[in-house]
C-alpha cells in the first residue's frame, strides 16, 4: 500500500484534511474510501468516472479524484517520486472555472513541496466522535 500524504504548511493544519473533516459524514466516508482505494490502485487503473488524469501539458502530473453526493467534490492529487500519493487541493465544484483555480493552486503547492519536502505529511483519518 502506498503512502497518502498531504500538504501541511508550518504552523497550520493541512487544508485538504480540514476540508475533508468539514464535510457531511456520509460524503466524507465515501471520499475516504476513495482515497484509501487510491493508495492501493496502480496508476494505470486510475480511470474515469472516479479518477481523471489531466492531459494538458501544464497539468499532466495532476489527477483528480471525483465524488458526488448532494454536491460535487474534487480532490486534486499527484504521485510522489517514492510511489505515494500527495493530496494537494480539495474543493466543492460549482463552476467549470473552479477546477482551473484548483489546478493552479495545486501547481503552487507542488512547487512549495519541491522546495520544502518536509511539508508533506502522512494523511491521518480523524475518527468520528460519538
Protein backbone atom coordinates (compact mmCIF):
# COMPACT_ATOMS: atom_id res chain seq x y z
CA UNK A 1 0.00 0.00 0.00
CA UNK A 2 1.32 3.42 -0.99
CA UNK A 3 1.51 6.29 1.47
CA UNK A 4 -1.09 9.01 1.26
CA UNK A 5 0.48 12.38 2.01
CA UNK A 6 -0.98 15.84 2.30
CA UNK A 7 0.49 19.33 2.25
CA UNK A 8 0.81 20.83 5.74
CA UNK A 9 2.29 24.33 5.84
CA UNK A 10 4.24 25.24 9.01
CA UNK A 11 2.06 26.33 11.92
CA UNK A 12 -1.20 25.39 10.19
CA UNK A 13 -3.35 22.34 9.62
CA UNK A 14 -3.44 20.64 6.25
CA UNK A 15 -6.02 22.46 4.07
CA UNK A 16 -7.14 19.17 2.48
CA UNK A 17 -7.59 17.46 5.86
CA UNK A 18 -9.55 20.45 7.20
CA UNK A 19 -11.78 20.40 4.10
CA UNK A 20 -12.43 16.65 4.38
CA UNK A 21 -13.14 16.88 8.10
CA UNK A 22 -15.72 19.59 7.43
CA UNK A 23 -17.81 17.53 5.01
CA UNK A 24 -21.04 15.87 5.99
CA UNK A 25 -20.28 12.38 7.37
CA UNK A 26 -21.69 10.26 4.53
CA UNK A 27 -19.81 12.17 1.80
CA UNK A 28 -16.67 12.25 3.95
CA UNK A 29 -16.80 8.48 4.34
CA UNK A 30 -17.21 7.98 0.58
CA UNK A 31 -14.19 10.22 -0.10
CA UNK A 32 -12.01 8.49 2.49
CA UNK A 33 -12.85 5.11 0.96
CA UNK A 34 -11.85 6.50 -2.45
CA UNK A 35 -8.58 7.87 -1.01
CA UNK A 36 -7.76 4.52 0.59
CA UNK A 37 -8.60 2.75 -2.67
CA UNK A 38 -6.37 5.26 -4.46
CA UNK A 39 -3.43 4.23 -2.28
CA UNK A 40 -3.85 0.61 -3.40
CA UNK A 41 -4.58 1.13 -7.10
CA UNK A 42 -1.84 1.15 -9.75
CA UNK A 43 -1.59 4.39 -11.69
CA UNK A 44 -2.62 2.65 -14.93
CA UNK A 45 -6.02 1.75 -13.42
CA UNK A 46 -6.97 5.29 -12.39
CA UNK A 47 -9.80 5.83 -14.83
CA UNK A 48 -12.98 7.81 -15.08
CA UNK A 49 -15.56 8.24 -13.62
CA UNK A 50 -13.81 8.24 -10.22
CA UNK A 51 -10.38 9.45 -11.29
CA UNK A 52 -9.23 11.76 -14.06
CA UNK A 53 -5.72 12.35 -15.37
CA UNK A 54 -5.25 15.82 -16.82
CA UNK A 55 -3.80 15.68 -20.32
CA UNK A 56 -2.96 19.37 -20.78
CA UNK A 57 0.83 19.57 -20.64
CA UNK A 58 0.89 22.16 -17.84
CA UNK A 59 -1.18 19.87 -15.59
CA UNK A 60 -0.12 16.42 -16.80
CA UNK A 61 1.36 15.46 -13.39
CA UNK A 62 -2.01 16.02 -11.72
CA UNK A 63 -5.01 13.77 -11.21
CA UNK A 64 -8.49 14.41 -9.90
CA UNK A 65 -10.48 12.22 -7.53
CA UNK A 66 -14.19 12.72 -8.16
CA UNK A 67 -17.09 12.11 -5.83
CA UNK A 68 -20.63 13.38 -5.77
CA UNK A 69 -23.46 13.41 -3.32
CA UNK A 70 -25.68 16.46 -2.93
CA UNK A 71 -22.60 18.40 -4.02
CA UNK A 72 -19.75 17.60 -6.39
CA UNK A 73 -16.40 17.28 -4.59
CA UNK A 74 -12.98 17.07 -6.24
CA UNK A 75 -9.56 16.31 -4.76
CA UNK A 76 -6.51 17.19 -6.87
CA UNK A 77 -3.56 14.88 -6.25
CA UNK A 78 -0.20 13.87 -7.69
CA UNK A 79 2.14 10.92 -7.34
CA UNK A 80 5.39 11.50 -5.47
CA UNK A 81 8.75 10.02 -6.57
CA UNK A 82 8.55 7.37 -3.82
CA UNK A 83 5.33 5.97 -5.30
CA UNK A 84 3.00 7.58 -2.78
CA UNK A 85 0.09 9.93 -3.40
CA UNK A 86 0.07 13.60 -2.36
CA UNK A 87 -3.32 15.25 -1.82
CA UNK A 88 -2.85 18.84 -2.99
CA UNK A 89 -6.23 20.55 -3.07
CA UNK A 90 -9.87 19.72 -2.31
CA UNK A 91 -12.92 21.75 -3.25
CA UNK A 92 -16.63 21.73 -3.99
CA UNK A 93 -17.13 22.16 -7.72
CA UNK A 94 -19.83 24.66 -8.54
CA UNK A 95 -18.50 26.08 -11.81
CA UNK A 96 -16.13 24.90 -14.52
CA UNK A 97 -13.53 27.52 -13.57
CA UNK A 98 -13.34 26.09 -10.01
CA UNK A 99 -11.25 23.24 -11.43
CA UNK A 100 -8.84 25.64 -13.16
CA UNK A 101 -8.35 27.61 -9.93
CA UNK A 102 -7.73 24.38 -8.02
CA UNK A 103 -5.21 23.18 -10.63
CA UNK A 104 -3.26 26.45 -10.38
CA UNK A 105 -3.29 26.19 -6.58
CA UNK A 106 -2.14 22.56 -6.84
CA UNK A 107 0.81 23.61 -9.02
CA UNK A 108 1.81 26.25 -6.44
CA UNK A 109 1.53 23.62 -3.70
CA UNK A 110 3.69 21.18 -5.70
CA UNK A 111 6.34 23.89 -6.14
CA UNK A 112 6.26 24.55 -2.39
CA UNK A 113 6.66 20.82 -1.69
CA UNK A 114 9.58 20.63 -4.10
CA UNK A 115 11.32 23.40 -2.12
CA UNK A 116 10.23 22.06 1.28
CA UNK A 117 9.64 18.27 1.18
CA UNK A 118 9.15 18.29 4.96
CA UNK A 119 5.74 19.95 4.39
CA UNK A 120 4.40 16.64 3.02
CA UNK A 121 2.99 14.69 5.96
CA UNK A 122 1.06 11.45 6.10
CA UNK A 123 -2.69 11.89 5.91
CA UNK A 124 -4.38 10.52 9.01
CA UNK A 125 -8.13 9.99 9.03
CA UNK A 126 -9.76 11.56 12.08
CA UNK A 127 -12.18 9.25 13.83
CA UNK A 128 -15.74 10.41 14.38
CA UNK A 129 -16.58 11.43 17.95
CA UNK A 130 -19.67 9.61 19.14
